[in-house]
Amino acid sequence: MKAVICSVIHKLGTFSRQSATSRTIFTAGLNGVRPEHEGYATDNGGKIYLSDVMQNIKENTEISRDHLTPEIALHLITPNCKLWTALDGDIIFPDPFWAFYWPGGQVLTSFVELNIRLNAELNRVHLHIDQRNLLGTVAEKWDVILLGDMFYDEVFTKVVADWLEILQRDFKKLILIGDPGRAAFVRHPISTKLKRVAKCELHPQCKMENNGLTYGYVWQYSS
């Protein structure tokens, strides 16, 4: 079985600083990078060094298990981190949405763990990370599509919903969606084609980070 997990990945953004060796660490976002020696060449001719990316993430996040899947440790921005209260000028990662474990992703991961029991080693599952925009892709090679927190505004919700309609109608894919009930999601006509398969109260930390949200849901899409 082949599954694709869709989530929103934001660029680290454009910034530069000097390390102890006085080399430029970042000159562009991560999107579209290609391997080149010890670093990654960027579209504008700069270079990203993954060792420095990882070090910056470690220094500015906290390893947390305060979420619905505590068996998975994640580097996250929490109230204990400087970035939690940092002003715009002090944030080295512009729009670090990747450093939060959003509620839809939490409940979807929990559902998959409880019901599918995927384990990359024991089940010899091959993991492939693709940085391309897969929306609109003809997904003949995928059996399952998992989407977490993809319906955060009306414009993007329409784009994703139109793609899912094609995947279900033409290819009969199993599509599972994790979402806490955002307005753009529940008000869209896609809601009439969903069957709720799981409901879970969010972790207190997640409730605090997402004011007003208390539950996460997993929906199965069917046309």
N, C-alpha and C. Protein backbone atom coordinates (compact mmCIF):
# COMPACT_ATOMS: atom_id res chain seq x y z
N MET A 1 0.84 -1.19 0.00
CA MET A 1 0.00 0.00 0.00
C MET A 1 0.87 1.24 0.00
N LYS A 2 0.54 2.20 -0.84
CA LYS A 2 1.28 3.45 -0.90
C LYS A 2 0.38 4.58 -0.43
N ALA A 3 0.91 5.39 0.48
CA ALA A 3 0.15 6.50 1.03
C ALA A 3 0.93 7.78 0.84
N VAL A 4 0.21 8.87 0.66
CA VAL A 4 0.84 10.18 0.59
C VAL A 4 0.24 11.03 1.70
N ILE A 5 1.10 11.72 2.43
CA ILE A 5 0.68 12.58 3.52
C ILE A 5 0.85 14.02 3.06
N CYS A 6 -0.25 14.75 3.02
CA CYS A 6 -0.21 16.13 2.56
C CYS A 6 -0.34 17.06 3.75
N SER A 7 0.56 17.99 3.83
CA SER A 7 0.50 19.00 4.88
C SER A 7 1.10 20.28 4.33
N VAL A 8 0.86 21.36 5.03
CA VAL A 8 1.35 22.64 4.57
C VAL A 8 2.74 22.85 5.14
N ILE A 9 3.74 23.01 4.26
CA ILE A 9 5.10 23.25 4.69
C ILE A 9 5.51 24.63 4.21
N HIS A 10 5.82 25.50 5.16
CA HIS A 10 6.20 26.87 4.82
C HIS A 10 7.71 26.97 4.73
N LYS A 11 8.17 27.87 3.88
CA LYS A 11 9.60 28.11 3.78
C LYS A 11 10.16 28.64 5.10
N LEU A 12 11.43 28.35 5.33
CA LEU A 12 12.10 28.96 6.47
C LEU A 12 12.27 30.46 6.22
N GLY A 13 12.23 30.85 4.96
CA GLY A 13 12.30 32.26 4.64
C GLY A 13 13.72 32.69 4.30
N THR A 14 13.85 33.93 3.92
CA THR A 14 15.14 34.46 3.50
C THR A 14 15.78 35.23 4.64
N PHE A 15 16.94 34.78 5.06
CA PHE A 15 17.73 35.53 6.02
C PHE A 15 19.14 34.99 5.97
N SER A 16 20.06 35.72 6.52
CA SER A 16 21.44 35.24 6.52
C SER A 16 22.11 35.64 7.83
N ARG A 17 23.04 34.82 8.28
CA ARG A 17 23.85 35.16 9.43
C ARG A 17 25.19 34.46 9.26
N GLN A 18 26.16 34.79 10.08
CA GLN A 18 27.47 34.20 9.95
C GLN A 18 27.71 33.20 11.07
N SER A 19 28.22 32.03 10.73
CA SER A 19 28.57 31.03 11.72
C SER A 19 29.98 31.25 12.19
N ALA A 20 30.49 30.32 13.01
CA ALA A 20 31.84 30.45 13.54
C ALA A 20 32.88 30.42 12.41
N THR A 21 32.52 29.82 11.29
CA THR A 21 33.45 29.75 10.16
C THR A 21 33.23 30.89 9.18
N SER A 22 32.36 31.84 9.55
CA SER A 22 32.10 33.04 8.75
C SER A 22 31.54 32.74 7.37
N ARG A 23 30.79 31.65 7.23
CA ARG A 23 30.17 31.38 5.94
C ARG A 23 28.70 31.75 6.02
N THR A 24 28.10 32.05 4.91
CA THR A 24 26.68 32.36 4.88
C THR A 24 25.89 31.08 5.03
N ILE A 25 24.99 31.04 6.00
CA ILE A 25 24.22 29.83 6.25
C ILE A 25 22.96 29.81 5.41
N PHE A 26 22.19 30.88 5.43
CA PHE A 26 20.94 30.92 4.68
C PHE A 26 20.91 32.13 3.78
N THR A 27 20.52 31.90 2.54
CA THR A 27 20.28 33.04 1.65
C THR A 27 18.96 32.90 0.93
N ALA A 28 18.20 31.84 1.24
CA ALA A 28 16.89 31.66 0.59
C ALA A 28 16.11 30.62 1.34
N GLY A 29 14.82 30.47 0.95
CA GLY A 29 13.99 29.45 1.55
C GLY A 29 14.35 28.07 1.06
N LEU A 30 13.74 27.05 1.67
CA LEU A 30 14.07 25.66 1.35
C LEU A 30 13.44 25.16 0.07
N ASN A 31 12.45 25.86 -0.44
CA ASN A 31 11.70 25.33 -1.57
C ASN A 31 12.58 25.22 -2.81
N GLY A 32 12.61 24.04 -3.42
CA GLY A 32 13.32 23.87 -4.67
C GLY A 32 14.81 23.67 -4.55
N VAL A 33 15.33 23.31 -3.36
CA VAL A 33 16.77 23.14 -3.21
C VAL A 33 17.23 21.85 -3.86
N ARG A 34 18.51 21.79 -4.19
CA ARG A 34 19.11 20.62 -4.80
C ARG A 34 20.42 20.30 -4.10
N PRO A 35 20.78 19.02 -3.95
CA PRO A 35 22.02 18.67 -3.27
C PRO A 35 23.23 19.24 -4.01
N GLU A 36 24.17 19.75 -3.23
CA GLU A 36 25.42 20.22 -3.80
C GLU A 36 26.49 20.20 -2.71
N HIS A 37 27.34 19.18 -2.73
CA HIS A 37 28.41 19.02 -1.76
C HIS A 37 27.83 18.97 -0.35
N GLU A 38 28.35 19.79 0.58
CA GLU A 38 27.89 19.70 1.96
C GLU A 38 26.61 20.48 2.19
N GLY A 39 26.27 21.36 1.25
CA GLY A 39 25.08 22.18 1.42
C GLY A 39 24.07 21.91 0.33
N TYR A 40 23.04 22.75 0.27
CA TYR A 40 22.01 22.66 -0.76
C TYR A 40 21.98 23.96 -1.53
N ALA A 41 22.17 23.85 -2.84
CA ALA A 41 22.11 25.03 -3.68
C ALA A 41 20.68 25.51 -3.78
N THR A 42 20.48 26.82 -3.76
CA THR A 42 19.14 27.39 -3.84
C THR A 42 18.91 27.98 -5.21
N ASP A 43 17.66 28.34 -5.46
CA ASP A 43 17.28 28.84 -6.77
C ASP A 43 18.01 30.14 -7.14
N ASN A 44 18.40 30.93 -6.13
CA ASN A 44 19.04 32.20 -6.44
C ASN A 44 20.56 32.14 -6.32
N GLY A 45 21.12 30.93 -6.31
CA GLY A 45 22.56 30.79 -6.31
C GLY A 45 23.20 30.71 -4.95
N GLY A 46 22.43 30.83 -3.88
CA GLY A 46 22.97 30.72 -2.54
C GLY A 46 23.09 29.27 -2.11
N LYS A 47 23.28 29.07 -0.81
CA LYS A 47 23.42 27.71 -0.32
C LYS A 47 22.88 27.59 1.09
N ILE A 48 22.19 26.49 1.36
CA ILE A 48 21.67 26.18 2.69
C ILE A 48 22.45 25.00 3.22
N TYR A 49 22.94 25.10 4.44
CA TYR A 49 23.66 24.00 5.07
C TYR A 49 22.73 23.32 6.06
N LEU A 50 22.40 22.06 5.79
CA LEU A 50 21.42 21.36 6.62
C LEU A 50 21.87 21.24 8.06
N SER A 51 23.17 21.09 8.28
CA SER A 51 23.65 20.99 9.66
C SER A 51 23.32 22.26 10.44
N ASP A 52 23.39 23.42 9.77
CA ASP A 52 23.07 24.67 10.43
C ASP A 52 21.56 24.86 10.61
N VAL A 53 20.80 24.38 9.62
CA VAL A 53 19.34 24.41 9.77
C VAL A 53 18.93 23.62 11.00
N MET A 54 19.46 22.40 11.12
CA MET A 54 19.11 21.54 12.25
C MET A 54 19.54 22.15 13.57
N GLN A 55 20.72 22.77 13.60
CA GLN A 55 21.20 23.39 14.83
C GLN A 55 20.31 24.54 15.25
N ASN A 56 19.90 25.37 14.29
CA ASN A 56 19.01 26.49 14.60
C ASN A 56 17.66 26.01 15.11
N ILE A 57 17.14 24.94 14.53
CA ILE A 57 15.87 24.39 14.99
C ILE A 57 16.01 23.87 16.42
N LYS A 58 17.11 23.16 16.70
CA LYS A 58 17.32 22.63 18.05
C LYS A 58 17.44 23.75 19.08
N GLU A 59 18.11 24.83 18.70
CA GLU A 59 18.33 25.94 19.64
C GLU A 59 17.06 26.75 19.91
N ASN A 60 16.13 26.73 18.98
CA ASN A 60 14.97 27.60 19.10
C ASN A 60 13.65 26.86 19.30
N THR A 61 13.72 25.56 19.51
CA THR A 61 12.52 24.78 19.80
C THR A 61 12.75 23.93 21.04
N GLU A 62 11.71 23.26 21.47
CA GLU A 62 11.79 22.36 22.61
C GLU A 62 11.28 20.99 22.20
N ILE A 63 11.95 19.94 22.66
CA ILE A 63 11.43 18.59 22.41
C ILE A 63 10.21 18.39 23.28
N SER A 64 9.08 18.15 22.64
CA SER A 64 7.81 18.11 23.36
C SER A 64 7.05 16.81 23.08
N ARG A 65 6.39 16.33 24.13
CA ARG A 65 5.45 15.22 24.01
C ARG A 65 4.07 15.63 24.51
N ASP A 66 3.86 16.94 24.67
CA ASP A 66 2.58 17.45 25.16
C ASP A 66 1.60 17.60 24.01
N HIS A 67 1.14 16.44 23.51
CA HIS A 67 0.19 16.43 22.41
C HIS A 67 -0.53 15.08 22.39
N LEU A 68 -1.35 14.84 21.40
CA LEU A 68 -2.17 13.63 21.37
C LEU A 68 -1.39 12.37 21.05
N THR A 69 -0.17 12.50 20.59
CA THR A 69 0.66 11.33 20.28
C THR A 69 1.98 11.43 21.04
N PRO A 70 1.96 11.32 22.38
CA PRO A 70 3.15 11.54 23.20
C PRO A 70 4.27 10.54 22.95
N GLU A 71 3.96 9.42 22.29
CA GLU A 71 5.01 8.47 21.95
C GLU A 71 5.93 9.01 20.86
N ILE A 72 5.52 10.12 20.24
CA ILE A 72 6.33 10.77 19.21
C ILE A 72 6.89 12.08 19.77
N ALA A 73 8.19 12.17 19.89
CA ALA A 73 8.83 13.40 20.35
C ALA A 73 9.07 14.33 19.16
N LEU A 74 8.73 15.59 19.35
CA LEU A 74 8.84 16.56 18.25
C LEU A 74 9.53 17.83 18.72
N HIS A 75 10.31 18.43 17.83
CA HIS A 75 10.87 19.75 18.08
C HIS A 75 9.79 20.78 17.76
N LEU A 76 9.29 21.47 18.79
CA LEU A 76 8.20 22.41 18.62
C LEU A 76 8.51 23.73 19.31
N ILE A 77 7.88 24.79 18.85
CA ILE A 77 7.92 26.05 19.57
C ILE A 77 6.83 26.01 20.64
N THR A 78 7.21 26.13 21.89
CA THR A 78 6.29 26.07 23.02
C THR A 78 6.43 27.36 23.85
N PRO A 79 5.58 27.54 24.86
CA PRO A 79 5.71 28.73 25.71
C PRO A 79 7.06 28.83 26.41
N ASN A 80 7.81 27.73 26.46
CA ASN A 80 9.13 27.76 27.09
C ASN A 80 10.22 28.30 26.15
N CYS A 81 9.88 28.52 24.89
CA CYS A 81 10.86 28.95 23.89
C CYS A 81 10.84 30.47 23.74
N LYS A 82 12.00 31.03 23.44
CA LYS A 82 12.10 32.48 23.25
C LYS A 82 11.22 32.96 22.11
N LEU A 83 11.10 32.13 21.06
CA LEU A 83 10.32 32.55 19.90
C LEU A 83 8.83 32.70 20.21
N TRP A 84 8.38 32.11 21.30
CA TRP A 84 6.95 32.18 21.65
C TRP A 84 6.51 33.63 21.87
N THR A 85 7.40 34.43 22.46
CA THR A 85 7.07 35.83 22.77
C THR A 85 7.96 36.81 22.01
N ALA A 86 8.71 36.31 21.03
CA ALA A 86 9.65 37.18 20.31
C ALA A 86 8.91 38.18 19.43
N LEU A 87 9.49 39.35 19.28
CA LEU A 87 8.96 40.36 18.37
C LEU A 87 9.39 40.03 16.95
N ASP A 88 8.73 40.65 15.98
CA ASP A 88 9.00 40.34 14.58
C ASP A 88 10.49 40.44 14.24
N GLY A 89 11.14 41.45 14.75
CA GLY A 89 12.54 41.66 14.41
C GLY A 89 13.48 40.64 15.01
N ASP A 90 12.99 39.87 16.00
CA ASP A 90 13.84 38.88 16.67
C ASP A 90 13.58 37.46 16.19
N ILE A 91 12.67 37.27 15.26
CA ILE A 91 12.33 35.94 14.78
C ILE A 91 13.22 35.58 13.60
N ILE A 92 14.06 34.56 13.77
CA ILE A 92 14.97 34.19 12.69
C ILE A 92 14.29 33.30 11.66
N PHE A 93 13.13 32.73 12.02
CA PHE A 93 12.38 31.92 11.08
C PHE A 93 11.08 32.65 10.74
N PRO A 94 11.00 33.36 9.65
CA PRO A 94 9.74 34.04 9.30
C PRO A 94 8.60 33.03 9.16
N ASP A 95 7.49 33.30 9.82
CA ASP A 95 6.31 32.44 9.76
C ASP A 95 6.64 30.97 10.03
N PRO A 96 7.11 30.64 11.23
CA PRO A 96 7.53 29.25 11.51
C PRO A 96 6.34 28.33 11.82
N PHE A 97 5.39 28.23 10.88
CA PHE A 97 4.22 27.39 11.11
C PHE A 97 4.59 25.92 11.20
N TRP A 98 5.73 25.55 10.63
CA TRP A 98 6.18 24.16 10.66
C TRP A 98 6.56 23.72 12.07
N ALA A 99 6.73 24.66 12.99
CA ALA A 99 7.19 24.32 14.34
C ALA A 99 6.03 24.14 15.32
N PHE A 100 4.83 23.99 14.81
CA PHE A 100 3.66 23.75 15.65
C PHE A 100 2.96 22.48 15.18
N TYR A 101 2.47 21.72 16.12
CA TYR A 101 1.76 20.47 15.82
C TYR A 101 0.28 20.81 15.80
N TRP A 102 -0.24 21.11 14.63
CA TRP A 102 -1.60 21.63 14.49
C TRP A 102 -2.63 20.55 14.81
N PRO A 103 -3.81 20.96 15.28
CA PRO A 103 -4.79 19.99 15.80
C PRO A 103 -5.25 18.95 14.80
N GLY A 104 -5.45 19.35 13.53
CA GLY A 104 -5.87 18.36 12.54
C GLY A 104 -4.83 17.28 12.35
N GLY A 105 -3.57 17.68 12.32
CA GLY A 105 -2.50 16.70 12.18
C GLY A 105 -2.39 15.79 13.40
N GLN A 106 -2.64 16.34 14.58
CA GLN A 106 -2.58 15.53 15.79
C GLN A 106 -3.64 14.42 15.79
N VAL A 107 -4.87 14.79 15.53
CA VAL A 107 -5.93 13.79 15.60
C VAL A 107 -5.81 12.79 14.45
N LEU A 108 -5.34 13.23 13.29
CA LEU A 108 -5.15 12.31 12.17
C LEU A 108 -4.03 11.32 12.46
N THR A 109 -2.92 11.80 13.04
CA THR A 109 -1.82 10.91 13.39
C THR A 109 -2.27 9.89 14.43
N SER A 110 -3.03 10.34 15.42
CA SER A 110 -3.52 9.44 16.45
C SER A 110 -4.43 8.37 15.84
N PHE A 111 -5.29 8.78 14.92
CA PHE A 111 -6.20 7.84 14.27
C PHE A 111 -5.44 6.80 13.46
N VAL A 112 -4.44 7.26 12.71
CA VAL A 112 -3.65 6.33 11.90
C VAL A 112 -2.92 5.34 12.79
N GLU A 113 -2.35 5.84 13.89
CA GLU A 113 -1.62 4.95 14.81
C GLU A 113 -2.54 3.88 15.40
N LEU A 114 -3.73 4.27 15.78
CA LEU A 114 -4.64 3.35 16.44
C LEU A 114 -5.25 2.35 15.47
N ASN A 115 -5.45 2.76 14.23
CA ASN A 115 -6.20 1.92 13.30
C ASN A 115 -5.38 1.25 12.21
N ILE A 116 -4.28 1.86 11.83
CA ILE A 116 -3.48 1.30 10.75
C ILE A 116 -2.18 0.70 11.25
N ARG A 117 -1.65 1.27 12.36
CA ARG A 117 -0.42 0.75 12.96
C ARG A 117 0.74 0.72 11.97
N LEU A 118 0.93 1.82 11.29
CA LEU A 118 2.06 1.90 10.37
C LEU A 118 3.35 1.96 11.14
N ASN A 119 4.32 1.17 10.73
CA ASN A 119 5.66 1.24 11.30
C ASN A 119 6.64 1.04 10.16
N ALA A 120 7.43 2.05 9.89
CA ALA A 120 8.28 2.02 8.71
C ALA A 120 9.27 0.87 8.71
N GLU A 121 9.81 0.51 9.88
CA GLU A 121 10.79 -0.58 9.92
C GLU A 121 10.14 -1.94 9.87
N LEU A 122 9.19 -2.18 10.77
CA LEU A 122 8.60 -3.52 10.87
C LEU A 122 7.85 -3.91 9.62
N ASN A 123 7.22 -2.96 8.97
CA ASN A 123 6.41 -3.26 7.80
C ASN A 123 7.12 -2.95 6.49
N ARG A 124 8.39 -2.60 6.60
CA ARG A 124 9.21 -2.33 5.41
C ARG A 124 8.57 -1.28 4.51
N VAL A 125 8.07 -0.24 5.16
CA VAL A 125 7.46 0.87 4.41
C VAL A 125 8.56 1.82 3.95
N HIS A 126 8.56 2.14 2.69
CA HIS A 126 9.54 3.08 2.15
C HIS A 126 8.98 4.49 2.25
N LEU A 127 9.73 5.38 2.89
CA LEU A 127 9.31 6.76 3.05
C LEU A 127 10.03 7.63 2.04
N HIS A 128 9.28 8.40 1.29
CA HIS A 128 9.86 9.32 0.31
C HIS A 128 9.31 10.71 0.57
N ILE A 129 10.19 11.67 0.73
CA ILE A 129 9.78 13.05 0.99
C ILE A 129 9.87 13.84 -0.30
N ASP A 130 8.76 14.46 -0.66
CA ASP A 130 8.70 15.21 -1.91
C ASP A 130 8.32 16.65 -1.58
N GLN A 131 9.18 17.59 -1.93
CA GLN A 131 8.93 19.00 -1.62
C GLN A 131 8.10 19.71 -2.68
N ARG A 132 7.75 19.00 -3.75
CA ARG A 132 6.97 19.65 -4.79
C ARG A 132 5.52 19.89 -4.34
N ASN A 133 4.87 20.81 -4.99
CA ASN A 133 3.45 21.03 -4.77
C ASN A 133 2.70 19.91 -5.49
N LEU A 134 2.08 19.00 -4.74
CA LEU A 134 1.41 17.84 -5.33
C LEU A 134 -0.06 18.09 -5.64
N LEU A 135 -0.57 19.25 -5.27
CA LEU A 135 -1.97 19.53 -5.55
C LEU A 135 -2.22 19.53 -7.05
N GLY A 136 -3.21 18.78 -7.47
CA GLY A 136 -3.51 18.66 -8.89
C GLY A 136 -2.83 17.48 -9.55
N THR A 137 -1.97 16.80 -8.80
CA THR A 137 -1.25 15.65 -9.35
C THR A 137 -2.21 14.48 -9.57
N VAL A 138 -2.02 13.79 -10.67
CA VAL A 138 -2.76 12.55 -10.90
C VAL A 138 -2.11 11.46 -10.05
N ALA A 139 -2.85 10.98 -9.07
CA ALA A 139 -2.26 10.14 -8.02
C ALA A 139 -2.53 8.66 -8.23
N GLU A 140 -2.22 8.15 -9.40
CA GLU A 140 -2.49 6.74 -9.69
C GLU A 140 -1.68 5.81 -8.80
N LYS A 141 -0.50 6.23 -8.36
CA LYS A 141 0.37 5.34 -7.60
C LYS A 141 0.08 5.36 -6.11
N TRP A 142 -0.82 6.20 -5.64
CA TRP A 142 -1.14 6.27 -4.22
C TRP A 142 -2.43 5.51 -3.93
N ASP A 143 -2.44 4.81 -2.82
CA ASP A 143 -3.65 4.12 -2.38
C ASP A 143 -4.42 4.95 -1.35
N VAL A 144 -3.68 5.68 -0.51
CA VAL A 144 -4.27 6.44 0.58
C VAL A 144 -3.71 7.86 0.56
N ILE A 145 -4.56 8.85 0.76
CA ILE A 145 -4.14 10.25 0.86
C ILE A 145 -4.55 10.76 2.23
N LEU A 146 -3.58 11.23 3.00
CA LEU A 146 -3.83 11.77 4.34
C LEU A 146 -3.58 13.27 4.30
N LEU A 147 -4.54 14.06 4.77
CA LEU A 147 -4.40 15.51 4.77
C LEU A 147 -4.64 16.05 6.17
N GLY A 148 -3.70 16.83 6.66
CA GLY A 148 -3.84 17.43 7.98
C GLY A 148 -3.77 18.94 7.91
N ASP A 149 -4.80 19.62 8.40
CA ASP A 149 -4.81 21.08 8.53
C ASP A 149 -4.60 21.80 7.19
N MET A 150 -5.23 21.29 6.16
CA MET A 150 -5.08 21.88 4.83
C MET A 150 -6.19 22.86 4.48
N PHE A 151 -7.19 22.99 5.34
CA PHE A 151 -8.37 23.81 5.02
C PHE A 151 -8.44 25.04 5.93
N TYR A 152 -7.43 25.88 5.83
CA TYR A 152 -7.32 26.99 6.77
C TYR A 152 -7.85 28.32 6.24
N ASP A 153 -8.13 28.42 4.94
CA ASP A 153 -8.82 29.61 4.43
C ASP A 153 -9.66 29.21 3.22
N GLU A 154 -10.57 30.09 2.82
CA GLU A 154 -11.54 29.74 1.79
C GLU A 154 -10.90 29.47 0.43
N VAL A 155 -9.90 30.26 0.07
CA VAL A 155 -9.28 30.11 -1.25
C VAL A 155 -8.57 28.76 -1.35
N PHE A 156 -7.75 28.45 -0.37
CA PHE A 156 -6.99 27.21 -0.42
C PHE A 156 -7.90 25.99 -0.24
N THR A 157 -8.95 26.16 0.55
CA THR A 157 -9.92 25.07 0.73
C THR A 157 -10.53 24.67 -0.61
N LYS A 158 -10.87 25.65 -1.44
CA LYS A 158 -11.44 25.34 -2.75
C LYS A 158 -10.45 24.58 -3.63
N VAL A 159 -9.18 25.00 -3.60
CA VAL A 159 -8.15 24.33 -4.40
C VAL A 159 -8.02 22.87 -3.99
N VAL A 160 -7.93 22.63 -2.69
CA VAL A 160 -7.77 21.26 -2.19
C VAL A 160 -9.02 20.44 -2.47
N ALA A 161 -10.20 21.02 -2.23
CA ALA A 161 -11.45 20.30 -2.43
C ALA A 161 -11.64 19.87 -3.88
N ASP A 162 -11.29 20.74 -4.82
CA ASP A 162 -11.41 20.39 -6.24
C ASP A 162 -10.50 19.22 -6.60
N TRP A 163 -9.31 19.20 -6.02
CA TRP A 163 -8.36 18.11 -6.27
C TRP A 163 -8.87 16.79 -5.70
N LEU A 164 -9.41 16.84 -4.47
CA LEU A 164 -9.92 15.63 -3.84
C LEU A 164 -11.10 15.05 -4.61
N GLU A 165 -11.91 15.93 -5.17
CA GLU A 165 -13.05 15.47 -5.97
C GLU A 165 -12.57 14.60 -7.13
N ILE A 166 -11.50 15.02 -7.79
CA ILE A 166 -10.95 14.26 -8.91
C ILE A 166 -10.36 12.94 -8.42
N LEU A 167 -9.62 12.98 -7.31
CA LEU A 167 -8.99 11.77 -6.79
C LEU A 167 -10.04 10.72 -6.42
N GLN A 168 -11.13 11.16 -5.83
CA GLN A 168 -12.16 10.21 -5.42
C GLN A 168 -13.00 9.73 -6.60
N ARG A 169 -13.39 10.65 -7.43
CA ARG A 169 -14.28 10.32 -8.55
C ARG A 169 -13.60 9.44 -9.59
N ASP A 170 -12.38 9.80 -9.95
CA ASP A 170 -11.71 9.13 -11.05
C ASP A 170 -10.81 7.98 -10.62
N PHE A 171 -10.31 8.02 -9.37
CA PHE A 171 -9.33 7.02 -8.95
C PHE A 171 -9.74 6.22 -7.72
N LYS A 172 -10.88 6.60 -7.10
CA LYS A 172 -11.42 5.87 -5.95
C LYS A 172 -10.39 5.70 -4.84
N LYS A 173 -9.73 6.78 -4.48
CA LYS A 173 -8.71 6.73 -3.44
C LYS A 173 -9.34 6.80 -2.05
N LEU A 174 -8.66 6.22 -1.05
CA LEU A 174 -9.05 6.39 0.33
C LEU A 174 -8.46 7.71 0.81
N ILE A 175 -9.32 8.64 1.18
CA ILE A 175 -8.89 9.98 1.58
C ILE A 175 -9.34 10.24 3.01
N LEU A 176 -8.36 10.52 3.88
CA LEU A 176 -8.65 10.82 5.28
C LEU A 176 -8.16 12.23 5.59
N ILE A 177 -9.01 13.00 6.27
CA ILE A 177 -8.74 14.41 6.53
C ILE A 177 -8.78 14.67 8.02
N GLY A 178 -7.73 15.32 8.53
CA GLY A 178 -7.72 15.74 9.92
C GLY A 178 -7.95 17.24 10.01
N ASP A 179 -8.97 17.65 10.77
CA ASP A 179 -9.29 19.08 10.88
C ASP A 179 -10.06 19.30 12.18
N PRO A 180 -9.82 20.43 12.85
CA PRO A 180 -10.54 20.71 14.11
C PRO A 180 -11.87 21.41 13.92
N GLY A 181 -12.33 21.53 12.68
CA GLY A 181 -13.61 22.18 12.43
C GLY A 181 -13.47 23.66 12.09
N ARG A 182 -12.45 24.00 11.34
CA ARG A 182 -12.26 25.39 10.93
C ARG A 182 -13.42 25.84 10.04
N ALA A 183 -13.73 27.12 10.11
CA ALA A 183 -14.89 27.66 9.39
C ALA A 183 -14.80 27.41 7.89
N ALA A 184 -13.63 27.62 7.30
CA ALA A 184 -13.48 27.44 5.86
C ALA A 184 -13.76 26.01 5.44
N PHE A 185 -13.55 25.08 6.36
CA PHE A 185 -13.76 23.66 6.07
C PHE A 185 -15.22 23.27 6.22
N VAL A 186 -15.81 23.59 7.35
CA VAL A 186 -17.18 23.14 7.62
C VAL A 186 -18.21 23.88 6.78
N ARG A 187 -17.90 25.06 6.28
CA ARG A 187 -18.85 25.83 5.48
C ARG A 187 -18.75 25.51 3.99
N HIS A 188 -17.72 24.78 3.61
CA HIS A 188 -17.54 24.46 2.20
C HIS A 188 -18.41 23.26 1.83
N PRO A 189 -18.89 23.18 0.58
CA PRO A 189 -19.70 22.04 0.16
C PRO A 189 -19.04 20.68 0.34
N ILE A 190 -17.72 20.66 0.50
CA ILE A 190 -17.04 19.38 0.72
C ILE A 190 -17.57 18.68 1.96
N SER A 191 -18.11 19.45 2.92
CA SER A 191 -18.58 18.87 4.17
C SER A 191 -19.73 17.89 3.95
N THR A 192 -20.45 18.01 2.83
CA THR A 192 -21.56 17.11 2.55
C THR A 192 -21.07 15.75 2.04
N LYS A 193 -19.79 15.65 1.74
CA LYS A 193 -19.22 14.42 1.19
C LYS A 193 -18.30 13.72 2.18
N LEU A 194 -18.43 14.09 3.45
CA LEU A 194 -17.52 13.56 4.46
C LEU A 194 -18.26 12.69 5.47
N LYS A 195 -17.59 11.63 5.89
CA LYS A 195 -18.08 10.78 6.96
C LYS A 195 -17.10 10.87 8.12
N ARG A 196 -17.60 11.27 9.29
CA ARG A 196 -16.72 11.38 10.45
C ARG A 196 -16.38 10.00 10.98
N VAL A 197 -15.08 9.71 11.09
CA VAL A 197 -14.66 8.39 11.56
C VAL A 197 -13.97 8.46 12.91
N ALA A 198 -13.67 9.67 13.38
CA ALA A 198 -13.04 9.79 14.70
C ALA A 198 -13.23 11.20 15.25
N LYS A 199 -13.37 11.28 16.57
CA LYS A 199 -13.44 12.55 17.28
C LYS A 199 -12.59 12.42 18.53
N CYS A 200 -11.76 13.43 18.78
CA CYS A 200 -10.85 13.34 19.92
C CYS A 200 -10.70 14.71 20.56
N GLU A 201 -10.79 14.75 21.89
CA GLU A 201 -10.55 16.01 22.60
C GLU A 201 -9.07 16.36 22.48
N LEU A 202 -8.81 17.62 22.19
CA LEU A 202 -7.44 18.07 22.00
C LEU A 202 -6.68 18.13 23.32
N HIS A 203 -5.38 17.98 23.24
CA HIS A 203 -4.51 18.09 24.40
C HIS A 203 -4.57 19.52 24.93
N PRO A 204 -4.48 19.72 26.25
CA PRO A 204 -4.53 21.08 26.81
C PRO A 204 -3.56 22.05 26.16
N GLN A 205 -2.36 21.60 25.83
CA GLN A 205 -1.39 22.46 25.18
C GLN A 205 -1.90 22.93 23.82
N CYS A 206 -2.53 22.01 23.08
CA CYS A 206 -3.07 22.35 21.77
C CYS A 206 -4.25 23.31 21.90
N LYS A 207 -5.07 23.14 22.91
CA LYS A 207 -6.20 24.05 23.15
C LYS A 207 -5.68 25.46 23.41
N MET A 208 -4.61 25.54 24.19
CA MET A 208 -4.04 26.84 24.52
C MET A 208 -3.47 27.53 23.28
N GLU A 209 -2.86 26.75 22.39
CA GLU A 209 -2.27 27.31 21.19
C GLU A 209 -3.32 27.68 20.15
N ASN A 210 -4.48 27.04 20.22
CA ASN A 210 -5.54 27.26 19.22
C ASN A 210 -6.81 27.67 19.95
N ASN A 211 -6.86 28.91 20.35
CA ASN A 211 -7.95 29.43 21.18
C ASN A 211 -9.31 29.17 20.56
N GLY A 212 -10.20 28.52 21.32
CA GLY A 212 -11.55 28.26 20.85
C GLY A 212 -11.75 26.87 20.29
N LEU A 213 -10.67 26.15 20.00
CA LEU A 213 -10.78 24.78 19.47
C LEU A 213 -10.62 23.78 20.61
N THR A 214 -11.52 22.83 20.67
CA THR A 214 -11.47 21.85 21.76
C THR A 214 -11.40 20.41 21.28
N TYR A 215 -11.85 20.15 20.04
CA TYR A 215 -11.84 18.79 19.52
C TYR A 215 -11.19 18.76 18.14
N GLY A 216 -10.65 17.61 17.81
CA GLY A 216 -10.15 17.36 16.48
C GLY A 216 -10.92 16.21 15.87
N TYR A 217 -11.05 16.19 14.55
CA TYR A 217 -11.87 15.18 13.88
C TYR A 217 -11.10 14.59 12.70
N VAL A 218 -11.41 13.34 12.42
CA VAL A 218 -10.93 12.68 11.21
C VAL A 218 -12.13 12.36 10.34
N TRP A 219 -12.04 12.78 9.09
CA TRP A 219 -13.15 12.59 8.15
C TRP A 219 -12.69 11.74 6.98
N GLN A 220 -13.57 10.86 6.53
CA GLN A 220 -13.30 10.10 5.31
C GLN A 220 -14.10 10.70 4.18
N TYR A 221 -13.42 10.98 3.09
CA TYR A 221 -14.05 11.64 1.95
C TYR A 221 -14.67 10.59 1.03
N SER A 222 -15.88 10.83 0.61
CA SER A 222 -16.54 9.95 -0.37
C SER A 222 -17.47 10.79 -1.23
N SER A 223 -17.40 10.56 -2.54
CA SER A 223 -18.20 11.37 -3.46
C SER A 223 -19.64 10.86 -3.51
